[in-house]
Amino acid sequence: QVQLVESGGGLVQAGGSLRLSCVVSGSAFSCTGFGWYRQAPGKGRELVARITSGGGITNYSDAVKGRFTISRDNVKNTVYLQMNSMQPEDTAVYYCNGFPVAFASWGQGTQVTVSS
């Protein structure tokens, strides 16, 4: 069974940075594309960044393009999300999961709060 454990969230001021990590176990990590998703209070879950299995191709939502960077380490089975120039609208719980096919179970997520 796949396990996804996100970490690295916290409280940051507008303009600040955070780096999220997602450790994945129980899957063929190096053969799987991954995405970072977020869910703000009262809103649905949205995909903000995705990366192919080899890490050669990344894509971002318009809301985070130019500010966030997704990367992966296929030795450590870890996916990262570097978030710079953060804004209050980035406040959400952040999750990682497979992309384009998500695993049935999600991790607990990591809370990110950006103060103005």
Protein backbone atom coordinates (compact mmCIF):
# COMPACT_ATOMS: atom_id res chain seq x y z
CA GLN A 1 0.00 0.00 0.00
CA VAL A 2 1.30 3.43 -0.95
CA GLN A 3 2.06 5.86 1.85
CA LEU A 4 2.48 9.59 1.25
CA VAL A 5 3.92 11.72 4.05
CA GLU A 6 4.02 15.48 3.50
CA SER A 7 6.00 17.89 5.66
CA GLY A 8 7.54 21.34 5.68
CA GLY A 9 4.47 23.52 6.04
CA GLY A 10 4.12 26.36 8.51
CA LEU A 11 3.38 30.03 8.98
CA VAL A 12 5.20 32.50 6.76
CA GLN A 13 4.84 36.18 5.96
CA ALA A 14 3.88 37.37 2.49
CA GLY A 15 6.94 37.38 0.27
CA GLY A 16 8.54 34.52 2.19
CA SER A 17 9.50 30.99 1.18
CA LEU A 18 8.86 27.41 2.25
CA ARG A 19 10.03 24.04 0.97
CA LEU A 20 7.63 21.13 1.18
CA SER A 21 8.68 17.48 1.08
CA CYS A 22 6.71 14.35 0.32
CA VAL A 23 8.21 10.97 1.13
CA VAL A 24 6.62 8.13 -0.83
CA SER A 25 6.77 4.46 0.10
CA GLY A 26 5.16 1.33 -1.27
CA SER A 27 5.17 2.30 -4.93
CA ALA A 28 7.42 2.15 -7.97
CA PHE A 29 8.45 5.71 -7.27
CA SER A 30 10.84 6.23 -10.16
CA CYS A 31 8.19 5.09 -12.67
CA THR A 32 5.46 7.39 -11.39
CA GLY A 33 4.64 11.00 -12.16
CA PHE A 34 3.66 13.13 -9.16
CA GLY A 35 1.79 16.30 -8.45
CA TRP A 36 1.39 18.76 -5.62
CA TYR A 37 -2.20 19.68 -4.85
CA ARG A 38 -3.68 22.17 -2.43
CA GLN A 39 -7.04 22.74 -0.79
CA ALA A 40 -7.93 26.11 0.66
CA PRO A 41 -10.71 26.51 3.24
CA GLY A 42 -14.12 26.15 1.58
CA LYS A 43 -12.64 25.26 -1.80
CA GLY A 44 -11.98 22.13 -3.78
CA ARG A 45 -8.60 20.49 -4.20
CA GLU A 46 -6.54 21.89 -7.07
CA LEU A 47 -3.39 20.73 -8.82
CA VAL A 48 -0.63 23.35 -8.63
CA ALA A 49 2.43 21.53 -9.99
CA ARG A 50 3.31 18.23 -11.63
CA ILE A 51 6.45 16.39 -12.63
CA THR A 52 7.09 13.39 -14.85
CA SER A 53 8.65 10.16 -13.60
CA GLY A 54 12.12 11.12 -14.77
CA GLY A 55 11.78 14.72 -13.65
CA GLY A 56 12.40 16.12 -17.11
CA ILE A 57 9.04 17.80 -17.57
CA THR A 58 7.24 20.04 -15.10
CA ASN A 59 4.05 22.06 -15.35
CA TYR A 60 2.43 24.64 -13.10
CA SER A 61 -0.93 26.26 -12.64
CA ASP A 62 -1.14 29.91 -13.62
CA ALA A 63 -1.57 30.83 -9.95
CA VAL A 64 1.92 29.62 -8.99
CA LYS A 65 3.90 29.76 -12.23
CA GLY A 66 7.18 31.58 -11.77
CA ARG A 67 7.02 31.29 -7.96
CA PHE A 68 6.89 27.55 -7.22
CA THR A 69 9.28 24.81 -8.36
CA ILE A 70 8.57 21.09 -8.20
CA SER A 71 11.44 18.60 -8.14
CA ARG A 72 12.11 15.01 -7.15
CA ASP A 73 14.86 12.75 -5.85
CA ASN A 74 14.43 9.22 -7.19
CA VAL A 75 17.01 7.88 -4.73
CA LYS A 76 15.27 9.30 -1.66
CA ASN A 77 11.75 8.61 -3.02
CA THR A 78 10.89 12.22 -2.27
CA VAL A 79 9.05 14.96 -4.13
CA TYR A 80 9.68 18.61 -3.26
CA LEU A 81 7.86 21.89 -3.74
CA GLN A 82 9.90 25.06 -3.36
CA MET A 83 7.56 27.99 -2.81
CA ASN A 84 8.89 31.54 -3.16
CA SER A 85 7.25 34.98 -3.13
CA MET A 86 4.35 33.50 -1.24
CA GLN A 87 1.04 35.31 -1.01
CA PRO A 88 -1.94 35.01 1.36
CA GLU A 89 -3.89 33.23 -1.39
CA ASP A 90 -1.36 30.39 -1.17
CA THR A 91 -2.80 29.50 2.25
CA ALA A 92 -4.05 25.91 2.05
CA VAL A 93 -3.35 22.34 3.02
CA TYR A 94 -0.84 20.92 0.54
CA TYR A 95 -0.81 17.29 -0.57
CA CYS A 96 1.22 15.22 -2.97
CA ASN A 97 -0.09 12.30 -4.99
CA GLY A 98 0.45 10.53 -8.25
CA PHE A 99 -0.21 12.29 -11.56
CA PRO A 100 -1.98 11.75 -13.91
CA VAL A 101 -3.29 8.82 -11.88
CA ALA A 102 -3.68 9.56 -8.17
CA PHE A 103 -3.35 6.81 -5.58
CA ALA A 104 -6.56 5.93 -3.76
CA SER A 105 -5.22 7.04 -0.39
CA TRP A 106 -3.98 10.53 0.34
CA GLY A 107 -1.53 11.64 3.00
CA GLN A 108 -2.44 13.92 5.87
CA GLY A 109 -1.17 16.97 4.02
CA THR A 110 0.82 19.86 5.44
CA GLN A 111 -0.73 23.20 6.41
CA VAL A 112 0.70 26.34 4.83
CA THR A 113 -0.44 29.71 6.14
CA VAL A 114 0.73 32.99 4.62
CA SER A 115 0.10 36.14 6.61
CA SER A 116 -0.23 39.56 4.98
